[in-house]
Amino acid sequence: MSAVRGARFEDGRSRRSCRFAEAPEGTVRPQGVPDDAIRRVLRVPPEFAGTRLDVFVKLQLRNTSRTRARAIIQNSAYSPEGLHLRHNSRVQAEQHVILWRPPIEEESEDAPLAILYEDEWLLVVDKPPFVAVHPTARYYHSTLIKRLEVQRPDEFLSLIHRLDRETSGLLLVAKSRAAERAFKRLLEDRSVQAMVVAGNATYLQMRKSERAALEKRARVAVPVEKTYLALTWGTPPEGLVEQPLEVDTDNPLRVKMRLAPQGKGLEAKTEVSVIETRGRYALVACQLHTGRQHQIRVHLSSLGCPVVGDKLYGPNERMLARAADGELTVADLELLELPRHALHAYRYRLPHPFTQQDFEVVSPLAADLKSFFDAALDPSQIPLFATSNLRTH
């Protein structure tokens, strides 16, 4: 076994580093799978090559134990050719794992999504809060990609990156397979470059040939500017937060990240700038130099200034589970102050891989966050929200 395989979970690699993908051309429906089954596709990133399938699936699906992952594989995991996969098989880089799941009943939102920019390769959507971007065990028809498919039937649409369900703002969607590959590579190379430059334990334990491949990608990486806006409790210090992240293995929800020891984990860098302070709240701009799961939320929390409304990195991490079950208490609601975490994808600036021109798009701060911050000028005007707002978490 290679060094990178032996260290693959000591580095705290995120279960969400998988890129959810479209099924490859020629994917077949396995015999016995019903016509209304939901198809979900997991693409294996290169750094997960050699991982057992049950471990890989466990890392990709929220709140899933290894035992549950094995059951999912046994009942629903296939190759694009329709061959059933074994839980103890080893995944390969760029392999597609097809999960065929039973249909789910849910309410669907029909309101059209706002489009901020479009060309022949790219679509930029202004994502509302409380919208999942891709199908999950809980959300399928009401996801952003499904709503887009209703708005734009017969078009190729594929997510280039993800946003958490509560996060609002910019979301990039590819309009062709070539665009999907080009834009994803652009974003992935930025994180590869950060890992190579830092020379952390994960990188150093790789084979020489693996390091050489990543070094080549790092050399051709181009600048990508991603700026988010956040409302925080308290005013964080300005500057570069350079703290690696890892999965919090002590958290029973299996979705939480934490700071990792220097030189280990996933390299993570966030540039923090305070735009304005109002009372005990601050409007903060966060420029991402890497794109890790929950990066901004973890880094701001580590500074003692968590994002307002954050149920995982705010006052009490158990709020996330209580919100999912519709069991938040009155005390929880008073502490959270907002029905969602106050994070907004505000600005992207990157070289367009097809036009070779710098491309920039901005999404104004979401209305609910603007209203909350405006009310912070007069604390008596900050509204309390109802428990019902969180039952759809």
Protein backbone atom coordinates (compact mmCIF):
# COMPACT_ATOMS: atom_id res chain seq x y z
CA MET A 1 0.00 0.00 0.00
CA SER A 2 1.34 3.45 -0.87
CA ALA A 3 2.19 6.03 1.77
CA VAL A 4 -0.69 8.24 0.75
CA ARG A 5 -3.15 5.41 1.20
CA GLY A 6 -1.82 4.62 4.64
CA ALA A 7 -2.27 8.26 5.68
CA ARG A 8 -5.47 9.00 3.92
CA PHE A 9 -7.63 9.57 7.00
CA GLU A 10 -4.98 10.93 9.36
CA ASP A 11 -4.90 14.06 7.21
CA GLY A 12 -8.55 14.84 7.98
CA ARG A 13 -9.57 14.82 4.35
CA SER A 14 -13.16 15.95 3.92
CA ARG A 15 -15.85 13.48 2.94
CA ARG A 16 -17.22 16.23 0.73
CA SER A 17 -14.08 16.53 -1.40
CA CYS A 18 -15.78 14.20 -3.84
CA ARG A 19 -17.26 16.03 -6.84
CA PHE A 20 -20.85 15.03 -7.52
CA ALA A 21 -21.09 14.43 -11.21
CA GLU A 22 -23.28 13.62 -14.15
CA ALA A 23 -23.43 9.97 -15.14
CA PRO A 24 -20.97 9.06 -17.92
CA GLU A 25 -22.35 8.58 -21.40
CA GLY A 26 -23.57 5.04 -21.90
CA THR A 27 -24.54 4.51 -18.26
CA VAL A 28 -27.12 1.73 -18.10
CA ARG A 29 -29.91 1.04 -15.63
CA PRO A 30 -29.15 -2.28 -13.91
CA GLN A 31 -31.64 -5.09 -14.23
CA GLY A 32 -34.26 -4.92 -11.50
CA VAL A 33 -33.82 -1.19 -10.77
CA PRO A 34 -37.27 0.48 -11.04
CA ASP A 35 -37.91 3.23 -13.59
CA ASP A 36 -38.56 5.84 -10.89
CA ALA A 37 -35.34 5.13 -8.96
CA ILE A 38 -33.19 8.16 -8.16
CA ARG A 39 -29.70 8.09 -9.66
CA ARG A 40 -26.84 9.73 -7.82
CA VAL A 41 -23.29 9.76 -9.16
CA LEU A 42 -20.09 9.98 -7.11
CA ARG A 43 -16.84 10.76 -8.95
CA VAL A 44 -13.68 9.61 -7.20
CA PRO A 45 -11.08 12.41 -6.88
CA PRO A 46 -7.47 11.31 -7.47
CA GLU A 47 -6.52 11.61 -3.79
CA PHE A 48 -9.03 8.88 -2.90
CA ALA A 49 -7.58 6.27 -5.28
CA GLY A 50 -7.14 2.97 -3.48
CA THR A 51 -9.74 3.68 -0.78
CA ARG A 52 -12.19 0.89 0.04
CA LEU A 53 -15.60 1.58 -1.51
CA ASP A 54 -17.47 1.41 1.81
CA VAL A 55 -15.07 3.91 3.36
CA PHE A 56 -15.36 6.22 0.34
CA VAL A 57 -19.18 6.13 0.35
CA LYS A 58 -19.26 6.70 4.11
CA LEU A 59 -17.14 9.82 3.67
CA GLN A 60 -19.38 11.22 0.93
CA LEU A 61 -22.79 10.75 2.57
CA ARG A 62 -23.74 12.80 5.58
CA ASN A 63 -24.63 11.07 8.84
CA THR A 64 -23.69 7.66 7.41
CA SER A 65 -21.88 4.96 9.37
CA ARG A 66 -19.62 2.42 7.69
CA THR A 67 -22.23 -0.27 8.38
CA ARG A 68 -24.89 1.87 6.71
CA ALA A 69 -22.54 2.57 3.80
CA ARG A 70 -22.12 -1.17 3.25
CA ALA A 71 -25.91 -1.61 3.18
CA ILE A 72 -26.24 1.23 0.66
CA ILE A 73 -23.58 -0.37 -1.55
CA GLN A 74 -25.21 -3.77 -1.32
CA ASN A 75 -28.61 -2.38 -2.29
CA SER A 76 -27.79 0.38 -4.74
CA ALA A 77 -24.14 0.76 -5.87
CA TYR A 78 -23.28 -0.05 -9.48
CA SER A 79 -20.73 0.76 -12.14
CA PRO A 80 -21.84 2.78 -15.19
CA GLU A 81 -22.00 -0.55 -17.05
CA GLY A 82 -24.60 -1.82 -14.57
CA LEU A 83 -22.31 -4.17 -12.65
CA HIS A 84 -22.95 -4.43 -8.93
CA LEU A 85 -20.04 -3.13 -6.81
CA ARG A 86 -18.62 -4.86 -3.74
CA HIS A 87 -18.19 -2.94 -0.50
CA ASN A 88 -14.55 -4.04 -0.09
CA SER A 89 -13.43 -3.18 -3.62
CA ARG A 90 -10.86 -0.38 -4.07
CA VAL A 91 -11.92 2.73 -5.98
CA GLN A 92 -9.83 4.22 -8.78
CA ALA A 93 -9.19 7.86 -9.64
CA GLU A 94 -12.01 9.34 -11.76
CA GLN A 95 -14.13 6.21 -11.25
CA HIS A 96 -17.89 6.81 -11.24
CA VAL A 97 -19.96 5.10 -8.55
CA ILE A 98 -23.66 5.05 -9.46
CA LEU A 99 -26.14 4.89 -6.57
CA TRP A 100 -29.71 3.95 -7.56
CA ARG A 101 -32.01 4.93 -4.67
CA PRO A 102 -35.79 4.58 -4.09
CA PRO A 103 -37.85 7.69 -4.96
CA ILE A 104 -38.56 10.26 -2.24
CA GLU A 105 -41.73 12.28 -1.77
CA GLU A 106 -41.20 15.96 -1.02
CA GLU A 107 -42.58 19.40 -1.72
CA SER A 108 -41.06 21.16 -4.72
CA GLU A 109 -40.45 24.90 -5.14
CA ASP A 110 -41.54 26.23 -8.54
CA ALA A 111 -40.20 29.81 -8.34
CA PRO A 112 -37.67 30.51 -11.12
CA LEU A 113 -34.04 30.91 -10.09
CA ALA A 114 -32.29 34.21 -10.80
CA ILE A 115 -29.56 34.03 -13.46
CA LEU A 116 -26.77 36.58 -12.96
CA TYR A 117 -24.65 35.69 -15.98
CA GLU A 118 -24.72 33.37 -18.97
CA ASP A 119 -22.58 32.56 -21.98
CA GLU A 120 -22.32 29.44 -24.15
CA TRP A 121 -20.24 27.60 -21.51
CA LEU A 122 -21.34 28.94 -18.16
CA LEU A 123 -24.42 29.78 -16.12
CA VAL A 124 -24.16 31.75 -12.86
CA VAL A 125 -27.14 31.31 -10.54
CA ASP A 126 -28.05 33.50 -7.55
CA LYS A 127 -28.80 30.70 -5.10
CA PRO A 128 -31.44 31.40 -2.45
CA PRO A 129 -30.89 30.14 1.10
CA PHE A 130 -32.48 26.84 2.17
CA VAL A 131 -32.02 25.24 -1.25
CA ALA A 132 -29.90 22.09 -1.53
CA VAL A 133 -27.71 22.23 -4.63
CA HIS A 134 -27.77 18.52 -5.49
CA PRO A 135 -30.01 15.56 -4.63
CA THR A 136 -29.61 14.08 -1.16
CA ALA A 137 -31.46 11.49 0.88
CA ARG A 138 -33.75 14.29 2.11
CA TYR A 139 -34.00 16.58 -0.93
CA TYR A 140 -34.40 15.54 -4.55
CA HIS A 141 -37.00 17.45 -6.61
CA SER A 142 -36.51 20.72 -4.71
CA THR A 143 -32.74 20.92 -5.33
CA LEU A 144 -31.23 23.74 -7.31
CA ILE A 145 -30.08 21.52 -10.16
CA LYS A 146 -33.52 19.90 -10.48
CA ARG A 147 -35.23 23.31 -10.52
CA LEU A 148 -32.80 24.48 -13.20
CA GLU A 149 -33.62 21.42 -15.29
CA VAL A 150 -37.30 22.37 -15.11
CA GLN A 151 -36.50 25.96 -16.14
CA ARG A 152 -34.17 24.86 -18.92
CA PRO A 153 -35.29 21.48 -20.24
CA ASP A 154 -33.06 19.56 -22.64
CA GLU A 155 -29.96 21.56 -21.67
CA PHE A 156 -26.75 20.12 -20.24
CA LEU A 157 -26.40 21.45 -16.67
CA SER A 158 -23.75 20.37 -14.17
CA LEU A 159 -22.62 21.95 -10.90
CA ILE A 160 -19.04 23.21 -10.98
CA HIS A 161 -18.87 23.56 -7.19
CA ARG A 162 -21.22 23.39 -4.20
CA LEU A 163 -22.72 25.61 -1.54
CA ASP A 164 -24.23 24.45 1.73
CA ARG A 165 -28.02 24.41 1.76
CA GLU A 166 -28.25 27.45 4.04
CA THR A 167 -25.62 29.49 2.16
CA SER A 168 -26.88 31.98 -0.42
CA GLY A 169 -25.19 33.60 -3.41
CA LEU A 170 -23.16 32.70 -6.47
CA LEU A 171 -23.19 29.20 -7.89
CA LEU A 172 -21.42 28.24 -11.14
CA VAL A 173 -23.11 25.76 -13.46
CA ALA A 174 -21.49 24.26 -16.56
CA LYS A 175 -23.43 24.07 -19.84
CA SER A 176 -21.28 21.38 -21.46
CA ARG A 177 -18.99 18.54 -20.43
CA ALA A 178 -15.98 20.46 -21.73
CA ALA A 179 -16.95 23.47 -19.61
CA GLU A 180 -17.53 21.25 -16.57
CA ARG A 181 -14.04 19.78 -16.86
CA ALA A 182 -12.34 23.12 -17.50
CA PHE A 183 -13.95 25.10 -14.67
CA LYS A 184 -13.64 22.28 -12.12
CA ARG A 185 -9.96 21.87 -12.98
CA LEU A 186 -9.50 25.62 -12.53
CA LEU A 187 -10.91 25.50 -9.00
CA GLU A 188 -9.26 22.22 -7.99
CA ASP A 189 -5.79 23.34 -9.09
CA ARG A 190 -5.94 26.19 -6.58
CA SER A 191 -6.20 23.76 -3.65
CA VAL A 192 -3.56 21.49 -5.18
CA GLN A 193 -1.19 24.45 -5.36
CA ALA A 194 -1.80 25.31 -1.69
CA MET A 195 -0.98 21.74 -0.64
CA VAL A 196 2.22 21.63 -2.71
CA VAL A 197 3.44 25.03 -1.50
CA ALA A 198 2.77 24.10 2.14
CA GLY A 199 4.46 20.71 1.76
CA ASN A 200 2.22 19.15 4.39
CA ALA A 201 2.32 15.56 5.63
CA THR A 202 -0.21 14.28 3.09
CA TYR A 203 1.83 15.60 0.17
CA LEU A 204 5.18 14.44 1.56
CA GLN A 205 3.92 10.88 2.08
CA MET A 206 2.91 10.47 -1.56
CA ARG A 207 4.90 8.50 -4.09
CA LYS A 208 7.43 10.52 -6.08
CA SER A 209 5.35 10.14 -9.25
CA GLU A 210 2.22 11.33 -7.42
CA ARG A 211 4.03 14.38 -6.06
CA ALA A 212 5.38 15.17 -9.52
CA ALA A 213 1.87 15.10 -11.00
CA LEU A 214 0.58 17.50 -8.34
CA GLU A 215 3.60 19.78 -8.75
CA LYS A 216 2.86 20.02 -12.46
CA ARG A 217 -0.73 21.04 -11.71
CA ALA A 218 0.47 23.56 -9.13
CA ARG A 219 2.79 25.23 -11.65
CA VAL A 220 -0.04 25.91 -14.10
CA ALA A 221 -2.63 26.96 -11.49
CA VAL A 222 -4.06 30.40 -12.17
CA PRO A 223 -5.42 32.90 -9.62
CA VAL A 224 -9.07 32.43 -8.65
CA GLU A 225 -10.70 34.97 -6.32
CA LYS A 226 -13.71 33.81 -4.33
CA THR A 227 -15.11 36.28 -1.80
CA TYR A 228 -17.87 35.51 0.68
CA LEU A 229 -19.69 37.86 3.03
CA ALA A 230 -20.49 36.77 6.56
CA LEU A 231 -22.21 38.28 9.57
CA THR A 232 -20.34 37.37 12.73
CA TRP A 233 -20.86 37.59 16.45
CA GLY A 234 -18.05 39.92 17.46
CA THR A 235 -15.38 41.51 15.27
CA PRO A 236 -12.63 39.14 14.09
CA PRO A 237 -9.03 40.27 13.66
CA GLU A 238 -8.14 41.06 10.06
CA GLY A 239 -5.53 39.17 8.10
CA LEU A 240 -4.73 35.75 6.69
CA VAL A 241 -6.02 32.74 8.63
CA GLU A 242 -3.73 29.88 7.64
CA GLN A 243 -4.98 26.87 9.59
CA PRO A 244 -5.31 23.36 8.07
CA LEU A 245 -8.58 21.49 8.55
CA GLU A 246 -9.53 17.88 9.21
CA VAL A 247 -12.71 15.93 9.82
CA ASP A 248 -13.78 16.09 13.47
CA THR A 249 -13.80 12.38 14.19
CA ASP A 250 -15.11 13.02 17.71
CA ASN A 251 -18.34 14.53 16.39
CA PRO A 252 -21.17 11.97 16.14
CA LEU A 253 -22.80 13.76 13.18
CA ARG A 254 -19.72 13.03 11.03
CA VAL A 255 -20.09 16.32 9.14
CA LYS A 256 -18.05 18.66 11.31
CA MET A 257 -14.58 19.95 10.49
CA ARG A 258 -11.96 21.19 12.95
CA LEU A 259 -8.51 22.75 12.95
CA ALA A 260 -5.72 20.25 12.28
CA PRO A 261 -2.16 20.39 13.62
CA GLN A 262 0.17 22.46 11.45
CA GLY A 263 1.67 20.38 8.66
CA LYS A 264 -1.21 17.91 8.67
CA GLY A 265 -4.77 17.84 7.39
CA LEU A 266 -6.06 19.86 4.45
CA GLU A 267 -4.32 23.11 3.70
CA ALA A 268 -6.80 25.98 4.26
CA LYS A 269 -6.30 29.73 3.87
CA THR A 270 -8.87 32.49 4.38
CA GLU A 271 -8.21 36.24 4.09
CA VAL A 272 -10.45 38.09 6.56
CA SER A 273 -11.41 41.76 6.18
CA VAL A 274 -13.91 43.63 8.36
CA ILE A 275 -16.21 45.83 6.28
CA GLU A 276 -18.31 47.29 9.10
CA THR A 277 -19.16 46.72 12.75
CA ARG A 278 -22.60 47.39 14.20
CA GLY A 279 -23.05 46.73 17.89
CA ARG A 280 -21.94 43.18 18.61
CA TYR A 281 -22.10 42.13 14.94
CA ALA A 282 -19.65 42.55 12.08
CA LEU A 283 -20.00 42.34 8.30
CA VAL A 284 -16.91 40.46 7.16
CA ALA A 285 -15.43 39.73 3.73
CA CYS A 286 -13.66 36.38 3.45
CA GLN A 287 -11.47 35.68 0.43
CA LEU A 288 -10.81 31.97 -0.07
CA HIS A 289 -7.35 30.87 -1.14
CA THR A 290 -8.47 27.24 -0.83
CA GLY A 291 -11.89 25.63 -0.99
CA ARG A 292 -12.41 23.29 1.96
CA GLN A 293 -15.63 22.09 3.51
CA HIS A 294 -16.94 24.66 6.03
CA GLN A 295 -13.64 26.55 5.73
CA ILE A 296 -14.94 30.04 6.46
CA ARG A 297 -17.19 28.90 9.29
CA VAL A 298 -14.40 26.97 11.02
CA HIS A 299 -11.83 29.74 10.61
CA LEU A 300 -14.14 32.48 11.90
CA SER A 301 -15.19 30.32 14.82
CA SER A 302 -11.52 29.68 15.63
CA LEU A 303 -11.08 33.45 15.91
CA GLY A 304 -13.83 33.59 18.52
CA CYS A 305 -16.28 35.19 16.07
CA PRO A 306 -18.60 32.49 14.68
CA VAL A 307 -21.08 33.15 11.91
CA VAL A 308 -24.47 34.34 13.18
CA GLY A 309 -27.02 31.52 13.08
CA ASP A 310 -24.42 28.75 12.74
CA LYS A 311 -25.86 25.58 14.30
CA LEU A 312 -22.62 23.60 14.01
CA TYR A 313 -19.80 26.03 14.79
CA GLY A 314 -21.78 28.54 16.85
CA PRO A 315 -23.15 28.36 20.40
CA ASN A 316 -23.75 24.59 20.49
CA GLU A 317 -22.98 21.97 17.84
CA ARG A 318 -25.95 19.86 19.01
CA MET A 319 -28.27 22.48 17.53
CA LEU A 320 -27.70 21.02 14.07
CA ALA A 321 -29.23 17.68 15.05
CA ARG A 322 -32.06 19.36 16.95
CA ALA A 323 -32.82 21.58 13.95
CA ALA A 324 -32.89 18.56 11.61
CA ASP A 325 -35.47 16.93 13.89
CA GLY A 326 -37.49 20.14 14.38
CA GLU A 327 -36.63 20.17 18.08
CA LEU A 328 -34.87 23.49 18.60
CA THR A 329 -35.75 25.00 21.95
CA VAL A 330 -36.75 28.60 22.66
CA ALA A 331 -33.29 29.07 24.16
CA ASP A 332 -31.73 27.74 20.94
CA LEU A 333 -33.71 30.21 18.85
CA GLU A 334 -32.67 33.12 21.00
CA LEU A 335 -29.02 32.16 20.71
CA LEU A 336 -29.04 31.58 16.95
CA GLU A 337 -30.87 34.85 16.11
CA LEU A 338 -31.18 33.83 12.44
CA PRO A 339 -32.85 30.73 10.93
CA ARG A 340 -29.72 30.00 8.87
CA HIS A 341 -26.02 30.69 9.03
CA ALA A 342 -25.27 34.19 7.75
CA LEU A 343 -22.94 33.30 4.87
CA HIS A 344 -23.24 34.57 1.29
CA ALA A 345 -21.13 33.81 -1.82
CA TYR A 346 -20.58 37.39 -2.96
CA ARG A 347 -17.94 37.66 -5.69
CA TYR A 348 -16.02 35.40 -8.06
CA ARG A 349 -13.17 36.60 -10.24
CA LEU A 350 -11.31 34.12 -12.41
CA PRO A 351 -9.83 33.72 -15.89
CA HIS A 352 -12.44 32.31 -18.23
CA PRO A 353 -10.91 29.07 -19.59
CA PHE A 354 -12.55 29.54 -23.02
CA THR A 355 -12.43 33.29 -23.68
CA GLN A 356 -9.10 33.76 -21.82
CA GLN A 357 -10.55 36.98 -20.38
CA ASP A 358 -10.86 37.79 -16.69
CA PHE A 359 -14.39 37.04 -15.60
CA GLU A 360 -16.11 38.66 -12.61
CA VAL A 361 -19.62 38.29 -11.22
CA VAL A 362 -21.19 39.65 -8.03
CA SER A 363 -24.28 38.71 -6.02
CA PRO A 364 -25.53 41.46 -3.67
CA LEU A 365 -25.89 40.48 -0.02
CA ALA A 366 -29.05 38.39 0.41
CA ALA A 367 -32.12 40.30 1.59
CA ASP A 368 -32.53 38.43 4.87
CA LEU A 369 -28.94 39.10 5.88
CA LYS A 370 -29.11 42.75 4.85
CA SER A 371 -32.30 43.23 6.88
CA PHE A 372 -30.71 41.62 9.93
CA PHE A 373 -27.58 43.77 9.71
CA ASP A 374 -29.62 46.93 9.08
CA ALA A 375 -31.65 46.15 12.20
CA ALA A 376 -28.41 45.79 14.18
CA LEU A 377 -28.24 49.59 14.23
CA ASP A 378 -31.21 49.32 16.59
CA PRO A 379 -31.07 45.98 18.47
CA SER A 380 -34.74 46.26 19.43
CA GLN A 381 -35.60 45.85 15.74
CA ILE A 382 -33.85 42.49 15.30
CA PRO A 383 -36.73 40.05 14.74
CA LEU A 384 -37.02 36.66 16.41
CA PHE A 385 -37.89 33.85 14.04
CA ALA A 386 -40.36 31.04 14.48
CA THR A 387 -39.45 27.40 15.13
CA SER A 388 -41.24 26.46 11.91
CA ASN A 389 -38.53 28.24 9.92
CA LEU A 390 -36.06 25.56 10.94
CA ARG A 391 -38.09 22.43 10.48
CA THR A 392 -36.99 22.20 6.85
CA HIS A 393 -33.28 22.28 7.72
